[in-house]
N, C-alpha and C. Protein backbone atom coordinates (compact mmCIF):
# COMPACT_ATOMS: atom_id res chain seq x y z
N MET A 1 50.19 144.94 -75.95
CA MET A 1 51.09 143.84 -75.65
C MET A 1 50.55 142.97 -74.52
N THR A 2 50.00 143.60 -73.48
CA THR A 2 49.48 142.82 -72.35
C THR A 2 48.26 142.01 -72.75
N HIS A 3 47.47 142.52 -73.68
CA HIS A 3 46.29 141.79 -74.15
C HIS A 3 46.71 140.48 -74.82
N ILE A 4 47.76 140.53 -75.62
CA ILE A 4 48.25 139.34 -76.30
C ILE A 4 48.80 138.34 -75.29
N SER A 5 49.54 138.83 -74.31
CA SER A 5 50.09 137.91 -73.30
C SER A 5 48.98 137.27 -72.47
N ASN A 6 47.89 138.00 -72.21
CA ASN A 6 46.75 137.41 -71.50
C ASN A 6 46.10 136.30 -72.32
N ILE A 7 46.00 136.52 -73.61
CA ILE A 7 45.43 135.49 -74.50
C ILE A 7 46.31 134.26 -74.51
N VAL A 8 47.62 134.48 -74.61
CA VAL A 8 48.57 133.35 -74.61
C VAL A 8 48.46 132.57 -73.30
N LEU A 9 48.40 133.27 -72.16
CA LEU A 9 48.25 132.59 -70.86
C LEU A 9 46.95 131.81 -70.79
N SER A 10 45.87 132.38 -71.31
CA SER A 10 44.57 131.69 -71.31
C SER A 10 44.64 130.42 -72.15
N LEU A 11 45.29 130.50 -73.31
CA LEU A 11 45.44 129.33 -74.17
C LEU A 11 46.30 128.26 -73.50
N GLN A 12 47.36 128.68 -72.81
CA GLN A 12 48.21 127.72 -72.11
C GLN A 12 47.43 126.99 -71.02
N LYS A 13 46.62 127.75 -70.27
CA LYS A 13 45.80 127.13 -69.22
C LYS A 13 44.80 126.15 -69.83
N LEU A 14 44.19 126.53 -70.94
CA LEU A 14 43.23 125.67 -71.61
C LEU A 14 43.90 124.39 -72.10
N LEU A 15 45.08 124.51 -72.70
CA LEU A 15 45.81 123.33 -73.16
C LEU A 15 46.21 122.44 -71.99
N GLN A 16 46.58 123.05 -70.87
CA GLN A 16 46.95 122.27 -69.69
C GLN A 16 45.74 121.49 -69.16
N MET A 17 44.57 122.11 -69.15
CA MET A 17 43.36 121.43 -68.69
C MET A 17 43.02 120.25 -69.60
N ILE A 18 43.16 120.46 -70.90
CA ILE A 18 42.83 119.42 -71.86
C ILE A 18 43.80 118.25 -71.75
N ARG A 19 45.05 118.54 -71.44
CA ARG A 19 46.08 117.51 -71.41
C ARG A 19 45.80 116.44 -70.35
N TYR A 20 45.23 116.83 -69.23
CA TYR A 20 44.97 115.88 -68.15
C TYR A 20 43.50 115.51 -68.13
N THR A 21 43.14 114.56 -68.97
CA THR A 21 41.78 114.07 -69.04
C THR A 21 41.67 112.80 -68.20
N ILE A 22 40.77 112.81 -67.25
CA ILE A 22 40.60 111.69 -66.32
C ILE A 22 39.57 110.72 -66.88
N LYS A 23 39.97 109.46 -67.02
CA LYS A 23 39.04 108.40 -67.42
C LYS A 23 39.22 107.25 -66.44
N LEU A 24 38.33 107.19 -65.47
CA LEU A 24 38.43 106.19 -64.41
C LEU A 24 37.84 104.85 -64.86
N THR A 25 38.44 103.78 -64.35
CA THR A 25 37.90 102.45 -64.60
C THR A 25 36.77 102.20 -63.60
N LYS A 26 36.02 101.12 -63.83
CA LYS A 26 34.91 100.78 -62.93
C LYS A 26 35.42 100.54 -61.52
N THR A 27 36.56 99.86 -61.36
CA THR A 27 37.08 99.58 -60.01
C THR A 27 37.54 100.87 -59.34
N GLU A 28 38.13 101.79 -60.09
CA GLU A 28 38.55 103.07 -59.51
C GLU A 28 37.34 103.88 -59.05
N VAL A 29 36.28 103.88 -59.86
CA VAL A 29 35.05 104.58 -59.48
C VAL A 29 34.48 103.96 -58.21
N ASP A 30 34.46 102.63 -58.15
CA ASP A 30 33.94 101.95 -56.95
C ASP A 30 34.78 102.26 -55.72
N ASP A 31 36.10 102.27 -55.89
CA ASP A 31 37.00 102.59 -54.77
C ASP A 31 36.75 104.01 -54.26
N LEU A 32 36.62 104.96 -55.18
CA LEU A 32 36.40 106.35 -54.78
C LEU A 32 35.04 106.53 -54.11
N LYS A 33 34.03 105.85 -54.62
CA LYS A 33 32.70 105.92 -54.00
C LYS A 33 32.71 105.29 -52.61
N ALA A 34 33.50 104.24 -52.44
CA ALA A 34 33.62 103.61 -51.13
C ALA A 34 34.28 104.56 -50.14
N ILE A 35 35.26 105.30 -50.59
CA ILE A 35 35.92 106.29 -49.72
C ILE A 35 34.92 107.34 -49.27
N ILE A 36 34.11 107.81 -50.19
CA ILE A 36 33.15 108.87 -49.88
C ILE A 36 32.03 108.35 -48.97
N ASN A 37 31.58 107.13 -49.20
CA ASN A 37 30.40 106.63 -48.49
C ASN A 37 30.66 105.98 -47.15
N LYS A 38 31.86 105.49 -46.91
CA LYS A 38 32.09 104.83 -45.63
C LYS A 38 33.55 104.94 -45.20
N GLY A 39 33.78 104.68 -43.91
CA GLY A 39 35.13 104.69 -43.38
C GLY A 39 35.54 106.09 -42.94
N SER A 40 36.65 106.14 -42.24
CA SER A 40 37.17 107.45 -41.82
C SER A 40 38.44 107.72 -42.61
N HIS A 41 38.43 108.85 -43.26
CA HIS A 41 39.55 109.25 -44.11
C HIS A 41 39.87 110.71 -43.83
N THR A 42 41.03 111.14 -44.26
CA THR A 42 41.41 112.54 -44.08
C THR A 42 40.58 113.40 -45.03
N SER A 43 40.49 114.68 -44.70
CA SER A 43 39.74 115.60 -45.55
C SER A 43 40.40 115.70 -46.93
N HIS A 44 41.73 115.58 -46.97
CA HIS A 44 42.45 115.59 -48.24
C HIS A 44 41.99 114.44 -49.13
N THR A 45 41.83 113.25 -48.54
CA THR A 45 41.41 112.08 -49.30
C THR A 45 39.98 112.25 -49.82
N PHE A 46 39.08 112.74 -48.96
CA PHE A 46 37.70 112.99 -49.39
C PHE A 46 37.66 113.99 -50.54
N ARG A 47 38.37 115.09 -50.38
CA ARG A 47 38.38 116.14 -51.39
C ARG A 47 38.91 115.61 -52.72
N THR A 48 40.00 114.86 -52.66
CA THR A 48 40.58 114.30 -53.87
C THR A 48 39.62 113.32 -54.54
N ALA A 49 38.95 112.49 -53.74
CA ALA A 49 37.99 111.52 -54.29
C ALA A 49 36.84 112.24 -54.99
N TYR A 50 36.30 113.28 -54.37
CA TYR A 50 35.22 114.05 -54.99
C TYR A 50 35.69 114.70 -56.29
N ILE A 51 36.87 115.27 -56.28
CA ILE A 51 37.39 115.94 -57.48
C ILE A 51 37.58 114.93 -58.61
N LEU A 52 38.19 113.78 -58.30
CA LEU A 52 38.41 112.78 -59.35
C LEU A 52 37.10 112.24 -59.91
N LEU A 53 36.13 111.96 -59.04
CA LEU A 53 34.84 111.46 -59.53
C LEU A 53 34.15 112.48 -60.43
N ASN A 54 34.25 113.75 -60.07
CA ASN A 54 33.58 114.78 -60.86
C ASN A 54 34.34 115.14 -62.13
N CYS A 55 35.63 114.89 -62.17
CA CYS A 55 36.43 115.17 -63.38
C CYS A 55 36.41 114.01 -64.37
N ASP A 56 35.92 112.88 -63.94
CA ASP A 56 35.94 111.67 -64.76
C ASP A 56 35.18 111.88 -66.07
N GLU A 57 35.80 111.51 -67.16
CA GLU A 57 35.17 111.60 -68.47
C GLU A 57 35.00 110.22 -69.09
N GLY A 58 35.10 109.19 -68.27
CA GLY A 58 34.93 107.82 -68.74
C GLY A 58 33.46 107.47 -68.89
N GLU A 59 33.21 106.18 -69.12
CA GLU A 59 31.84 105.74 -69.37
C GLU A 59 31.01 105.64 -68.08
N PHE A 60 31.65 105.72 -66.91
CA PHE A 60 30.93 105.58 -65.65
C PHE A 60 30.73 106.93 -64.96
N SER A 61 30.69 108.01 -65.72
CA SER A 61 30.73 109.32 -65.09
C SER A 61 29.59 110.22 -65.49
N GLU A 62 29.47 111.26 -64.70
CA GLU A 62 28.61 112.39 -65.03
C GLU A 62 29.53 113.60 -65.00
N LYS A 63 30.05 113.99 -66.15
CA LYS A 63 31.07 115.04 -66.24
C LYS A 63 30.54 116.36 -65.71
N VAL A 64 31.34 116.98 -64.86
CA VAL A 64 31.05 118.29 -64.30
C VAL A 64 32.24 119.19 -64.66
N THR A 65 31.98 120.45 -64.91
CA THR A 65 33.07 121.36 -65.27
C THR A 65 33.92 121.69 -64.04
N ASN A 66 35.16 122.07 -64.30
CA ASN A 66 36.07 122.45 -63.20
C ASN A 66 35.52 123.63 -62.41
N GLU A 67 34.85 124.55 -63.09
CA GLU A 67 34.28 125.72 -62.42
C GLU A 67 33.22 125.29 -61.41
N GLN A 68 32.38 124.33 -61.80
CA GLN A 68 31.34 123.83 -60.89
C GLN A 68 31.96 123.11 -59.70
N ILE A 69 32.97 122.30 -59.95
CA ILE A 69 33.66 121.59 -58.87
C ILE A 69 34.29 122.60 -57.92
N SER A 70 34.90 123.62 -58.48
CA SER A 70 35.56 124.65 -57.69
C SER A 70 34.57 125.36 -56.77
N LYS A 71 33.39 125.67 -57.28
CA LYS A 71 32.37 126.36 -56.47
C LYS A 71 31.82 125.46 -55.37
N VAL A 72 31.49 124.23 -55.71
CA VAL A 72 30.87 123.32 -54.75
C VAL A 72 31.84 122.90 -53.66
N LEU A 73 33.05 122.52 -54.02
CA LEU A 73 34.03 122.03 -53.04
C LEU A 73 34.86 123.14 -52.41
N LYS A 74 34.68 124.37 -52.90
CA LYS A 74 35.42 125.52 -52.37
C LYS A 74 36.94 125.30 -52.47
N VAL A 75 37.37 124.85 -53.65
CA VAL A 75 38.79 124.69 -53.93
C VAL A 75 39.11 125.50 -55.18
N GLY A 76 40.38 125.83 -55.34
CA GLY A 76 40.80 126.61 -56.49
C GLY A 76 40.93 125.75 -57.74
N MET A 77 40.89 126.41 -58.86
CA MET A 77 41.04 125.72 -60.14
C MET A 77 42.42 125.05 -60.24
N ARG A 78 43.41 125.70 -59.68
CA ARG A 78 44.77 125.16 -59.71
C ARG A 78 44.86 123.86 -58.92
N THR A 79 44.14 123.77 -57.82
CA THR A 79 44.11 122.55 -57.02
C THR A 79 43.55 121.39 -57.84
N ILE A 80 42.48 121.66 -58.56
CA ILE A 80 41.87 120.63 -59.40
C ILE A 80 42.86 120.18 -60.46
N ASP A 81 43.54 121.13 -61.10
CA ASP A 81 44.53 120.78 -62.12
C ASP A 81 45.67 119.95 -61.55
N ARG A 82 46.14 120.31 -60.35
CA ARG A 82 47.24 119.56 -59.72
C ARG A 82 46.81 118.13 -59.40
N ILE A 83 45.60 117.96 -58.91
CA ILE A 83 45.11 116.61 -58.59
C ILE A 83 44.98 115.78 -59.86
N LYS A 84 44.46 116.38 -60.92
CA LYS A 84 44.34 115.66 -62.20
C LYS A 84 45.71 115.25 -62.72
N LYS A 85 46.65 116.17 -62.66
CA LYS A 85 48.01 115.89 -63.12
C LYS A 85 48.64 114.76 -62.31
N ARG A 86 48.49 114.82 -61.00
CA ARG A 86 49.08 113.80 -60.12
C ARG A 86 48.45 112.43 -60.38
N PHE A 87 47.14 112.41 -60.62
CA PHE A 87 46.47 111.15 -60.93
C PHE A 87 47.01 110.54 -62.22
N ILE A 88 47.14 111.34 -63.26
CA ILE A 88 47.63 110.86 -64.55
C ILE A 88 49.07 110.37 -64.44
N GLU A 89 49.92 111.15 -63.75
CA GLU A 89 51.34 110.84 -63.71
C GLU A 89 51.71 109.77 -62.68
N GLU A 90 50.99 109.71 -61.54
CA GLU A 90 51.42 108.84 -60.45
C GLU A 90 50.42 107.77 -60.05
N GLY A 91 49.16 107.89 -60.46
CA GLY A 91 48.18 106.86 -60.16
C GLY A 91 47.26 107.23 -59.00
N LEU A 92 46.22 106.40 -58.81
CA LEU A 92 45.17 106.69 -57.83
C LEU A 92 45.67 106.63 -56.40
N GLU A 93 46.39 105.58 -56.04
CA GLU A 93 46.84 105.41 -54.64
C GLU A 93 47.71 106.58 -54.19
N VAL A 94 48.65 106.98 -55.01
CA VAL A 94 49.55 108.09 -54.68
C VAL A 94 48.77 109.40 -54.61
N CYS A 95 47.81 109.56 -55.51
CA CYS A 95 47.01 110.78 -55.58
C CYS A 95 46.18 110.99 -54.32
N LEU A 96 45.70 109.89 -53.73
CA LEU A 96 44.85 109.99 -52.54
C LEU A 96 45.63 110.32 -51.28
N GLU A 97 46.93 110.06 -51.27
CA GLU A 97 47.76 110.34 -50.10
C GLU A 97 48.34 111.75 -50.19
N ARG A 98 48.51 112.36 -49.05
CA ARG A 98 49.11 113.70 -49.00
C ARG A 98 50.60 113.59 -49.30
N GLN A 99 51.10 114.52 -50.11
CA GLN A 99 52.52 114.52 -50.45
C GLN A 99 53.36 114.92 -49.24
N PRO A 100 54.43 114.21 -48.98
CA PRO A 100 55.31 114.64 -47.88
C PRO A 100 56.00 115.96 -48.25
N SER A 101 56.25 116.75 -47.24
CA SER A 101 56.89 118.04 -47.45
C SER A 101 58.34 117.85 -47.90
N LYS A 102 58.74 118.65 -48.86
CA LYS A 102 60.12 118.59 -49.35
C LYS A 102 60.98 119.65 -48.69
N ARG A 103 60.36 120.42 -47.81
CA ARG A 103 61.08 121.51 -47.16
C ARG A 103 62.05 120.96 -46.13
N VAL A 104 63.24 121.52 -46.11
CA VAL A 104 64.26 121.13 -45.15
C VAL A 104 64.34 122.23 -44.09
N TYR A 105 64.07 121.85 -42.86
CA TYR A 105 64.09 122.82 -41.77
C TYR A 105 65.48 122.89 -41.16
N GLU A 106 65.95 124.11 -41.01
CA GLU A 106 67.27 124.33 -40.44
C GLU A 106 67.11 124.60 -38.94
N THR A 107 67.86 123.89 -38.11
CA THR A 107 67.77 124.10 -36.67
C THR A 107 68.77 125.17 -36.26
N LYS A 108 68.30 126.08 -35.41
CA LYS A 108 69.17 127.15 -34.93
C LYS A 108 69.88 126.75 -33.66
N VAL A 109 69.27 125.83 -32.91
CA VAL A 109 69.81 125.49 -31.60
C VAL A 109 70.42 124.09 -31.65
N ASP A 110 71.74 124.04 -31.49
CA ASP A 110 72.41 122.75 -31.41
C ASP A 110 72.56 122.38 -29.93
N GLY A 111 73.24 121.31 -29.67
CA GLY A 111 73.40 120.84 -28.29
C GLY A 111 74.10 121.84 -27.39
N ASP A 112 75.09 122.54 -27.93
CA ASP A 112 75.85 123.52 -27.15
C ASP A 112 74.96 124.70 -26.75
N ALA A 113 74.23 125.25 -27.72
CA ALA A 113 73.34 126.38 -27.44
C ALA A 113 72.21 125.96 -26.51
N GLU A 114 71.76 124.72 -26.66
CA GLU A 114 70.70 124.19 -25.80
C GLU A 114 71.19 124.13 -24.34
N ALA A 115 72.41 123.66 -24.14
CA ALA A 115 72.98 123.59 -22.80
C ALA A 115 73.13 124.98 -22.19
N LYS A 116 73.56 125.93 -23.00
CA LYS A 116 73.69 127.31 -22.52
C LYS A 116 72.34 127.90 -22.15
N LEU A 117 71.31 127.57 -22.92
CA LEU A 117 69.96 128.04 -22.62
C LEU A 117 69.46 127.47 -21.30
N VAL A 118 69.68 126.19 -21.08
CA VAL A 118 69.26 125.55 -19.84
C VAL A 118 70.00 126.18 -18.65
N THR A 119 71.29 126.41 -18.81
CA THR A 119 72.08 127.05 -17.75
C THR A 119 71.54 128.45 -17.47
N LEU A 120 71.25 129.19 -18.52
CA LEU A 120 70.72 130.54 -18.37
C LEU A 120 69.36 130.52 -17.68
N CYS A 121 68.54 129.57 -18.04
CA CYS A 121 67.20 129.45 -17.46
C CYS A 121 67.27 129.15 -15.97
N CYS A 122 68.28 128.40 -15.55
CA CYS A 122 68.43 128.03 -14.14
C CYS A 122 69.12 129.12 -13.32
N SER A 123 69.67 130.13 -13.99
CA SER A 123 70.36 131.20 -13.27
C SER A 123 69.36 132.23 -12.75
N GLU A 124 69.87 133.22 -12.02
CA GLU A 124 69.03 134.29 -11.49
C GLU A 124 68.54 135.17 -12.64
N PRO A 125 67.28 135.58 -12.59
CA PRO A 125 66.77 136.47 -13.65
C PRO A 125 67.39 137.86 -13.53
N PRO A 126 67.31 138.67 -14.57
CA PRO A 126 67.88 140.02 -14.53
C PRO A 126 67.24 140.85 -13.40
N GLN A 127 67.97 141.85 -12.97
CA GLN A 127 67.48 142.70 -11.90
C GLN A 127 66.19 143.39 -12.34
N GLY A 128 65.22 143.40 -11.46
CA GLY A 128 63.93 143.99 -11.77
C GLY A 128 62.90 142.98 -12.25
N TYR A 129 63.30 141.74 -12.40
CA TYR A 129 62.39 140.68 -12.85
C TYR A 129 62.36 139.57 -11.80
N ALA A 130 61.18 139.04 -11.54
CA ALA A 130 61.04 137.98 -10.55
C ALA A 130 61.48 136.64 -11.14
N LYS A 131 61.24 136.45 -12.44
CA LYS A 131 61.62 135.19 -13.09
C LYS A 131 61.88 135.45 -14.57
N TRP A 132 62.47 134.46 -15.22
CA TRP A 132 62.77 134.56 -16.65
C TRP A 132 61.49 134.41 -17.46
N SER A 133 61.34 135.21 -18.48
CA SER A 133 60.28 134.99 -19.47
C SER A 133 60.95 134.42 -20.72
N LEU A 134 60.16 133.87 -21.60
CA LEU A 134 60.72 133.30 -22.83
C LEU A 134 61.40 134.38 -23.67
N ARG A 135 60.79 135.55 -23.73
CA ARG A 135 61.37 136.64 -24.51
C ARG A 135 62.67 137.15 -23.88
N LEU A 136 62.70 137.21 -22.55
CA LEU A 136 63.93 137.62 -21.87
C LEU A 136 65.05 136.63 -22.16
N LEU A 137 64.73 135.34 -22.10
CA LEU A 137 65.73 134.32 -22.39
C LEU A 137 66.24 134.45 -23.83
N ALA A 138 65.33 134.65 -24.76
CA ALA A 138 65.72 134.78 -26.17
C ALA A 138 66.62 136.01 -26.35
N ASP A 139 66.24 137.12 -25.76
CA ASP A 139 67.05 138.34 -25.88
C ASP A 139 68.43 138.15 -25.25
N LYS A 140 68.49 137.49 -24.10
CA LYS A 140 69.76 137.27 -23.40
C LYS A 140 70.67 136.34 -24.20
N MET A 141 70.08 135.33 -24.86
CA MET A 141 70.87 134.41 -25.69
C MET A 141 71.55 135.18 -26.83
N VAL A 142 70.84 136.11 -27.43
CA VAL A 142 71.40 136.92 -28.51
C VAL A 142 72.44 137.89 -27.94
N GLU A 143 72.10 138.50 -26.80
CA GLU A 143 73.01 139.46 -26.17
C GLU A 143 74.35 138.82 -25.81
N LEU A 144 74.30 137.59 -25.31
CA LEU A 144 75.53 136.88 -24.93
C LEU A 144 76.22 136.22 -26.13
N LYS A 145 75.62 136.38 -27.33
CA LYS A 145 76.15 135.85 -28.58
C LYS A 145 76.24 134.32 -28.60
N TYR A 146 75.30 133.69 -27.91
CA TYR A 146 75.20 132.22 -27.99
C TYR A 146 74.63 131.82 -29.35
N VAL A 147 73.71 132.65 -29.86
CA VAL A 147 73.11 132.45 -31.18
C VAL A 147 73.01 133.81 -31.85
N GLU A 148 72.89 133.79 -33.18
CA GLU A 148 72.76 135.05 -33.92
C GLU A 148 71.38 135.65 -33.73
N SER A 149 70.35 134.81 -33.80
CA SER A 149 68.98 135.25 -33.55
C SER A 149 68.18 134.02 -33.11
N ILE A 150 67.17 134.25 -32.29
CA ILE A 150 66.33 133.15 -31.80
C ILE A 150 64.99 133.74 -31.37
N SER A 151 63.93 133.02 -31.61
CA SER A 151 62.61 133.49 -31.21
C SER A 151 62.23 132.89 -29.87
N HIS A 152 61.27 133.52 -29.22
CA HIS A 152 60.80 132.99 -27.94
C HIS A 152 60.11 131.64 -28.12
N VAL A 153 59.58 131.39 -29.32
CA VAL A 153 58.94 130.11 -29.61
C VAL A 153 59.97 128.98 -29.62
N THR A 154 61.13 129.25 -30.20
CA THR A 154 62.21 128.26 -30.21
C THR A 154 62.70 127.99 -28.80
N VAL A 155 62.83 129.06 -28.00
CA VAL A 155 63.23 128.89 -26.60
C VAL A 155 62.22 128.00 -25.88
N ARG A 156 60.94 128.25 -26.12
CA ARG A 156 59.88 127.44 -25.50
C ARG A 156 60.00 125.97 -25.87
N SER A 157 60.21 125.70 -27.16
CA SER A 157 60.27 124.29 -27.59
C SER A 157 61.50 123.59 -27.01
N VAL A 158 62.62 124.29 -26.90
CA VAL A 158 63.82 123.69 -26.31
C VAL A 158 63.58 123.38 -24.83
N LEU A 159 62.99 124.35 -24.12
CA LEU A 159 62.73 124.14 -22.70
C LEU A 159 61.68 123.05 -22.47
N LYS A 160 60.70 122.98 -23.36
CA LYS A 160 59.67 121.95 -23.24
C LYS A 160 60.30 120.57 -23.45
N LYS A 161 61.20 120.49 -24.41
CA LYS A 161 61.89 119.23 -24.69
C LYS A 161 62.70 118.75 -23.48
N THR A 162 63.25 119.72 -22.73
CA THR A 162 64.09 119.35 -21.59
C THR A 162 63.29 119.37 -20.27
N ASN A 163 61.97 119.50 -20.37
CA ASN A 163 61.08 119.53 -19.19
C ASN A 163 61.42 120.66 -18.24
N LEU A 164 61.81 121.79 -18.75
CA LEU A 164 62.08 122.98 -17.94
C LEU A 164 61.10 124.07 -18.33
N SER A 165 60.91 125.01 -17.44
CA SER A 165 60.16 126.20 -17.78
C SER A 165 60.82 127.37 -17.11
N PRO A 166 60.76 128.55 -17.73
CA PRO A 166 61.43 129.70 -17.12
C PRO A 166 60.82 130.04 -15.77
N GLY A 167 61.65 130.39 -14.83
CA GLY A 167 61.16 130.81 -13.52
C GLY A 167 61.02 129.71 -12.51
N LYS A 168 61.30 128.47 -12.88
CA LYS A 168 61.18 127.35 -11.94
C LYS A 168 62.53 126.79 -11.59
């Protein structure tokens, strides 16, 4: 059973590769070569330009296999497939730019907890300590039930934002 499913997966991957065939126009080839040869661009833009030029199956190309591109550029086969798909579906300009993150970050510290942290930081440190450490502050915030959980990194960023540091 697993042998058959492996064959099916291989065929699906092959069909997916065939579906996104890149055929660049002369102006697109010139634009990509200009990116590679001059100017300062992000590594993402360079990598995408090299991948698109090497995947091109148009009349202005020297076709290279995805395996060869993967070895030379040290990128995964999936990355090549995603770039090809994005080029076909969204165009060259969008493909060259990095996609914005769709992740939504949840903040643990609101204004109230931030004020309590600042107050705590300005208070006397626990007995046996000369000054507050970030970890001590984080533990005390949880102990006093100001927040459910908080890392010392979050404490640091809040204090940095307010120009405070523990122990001062």
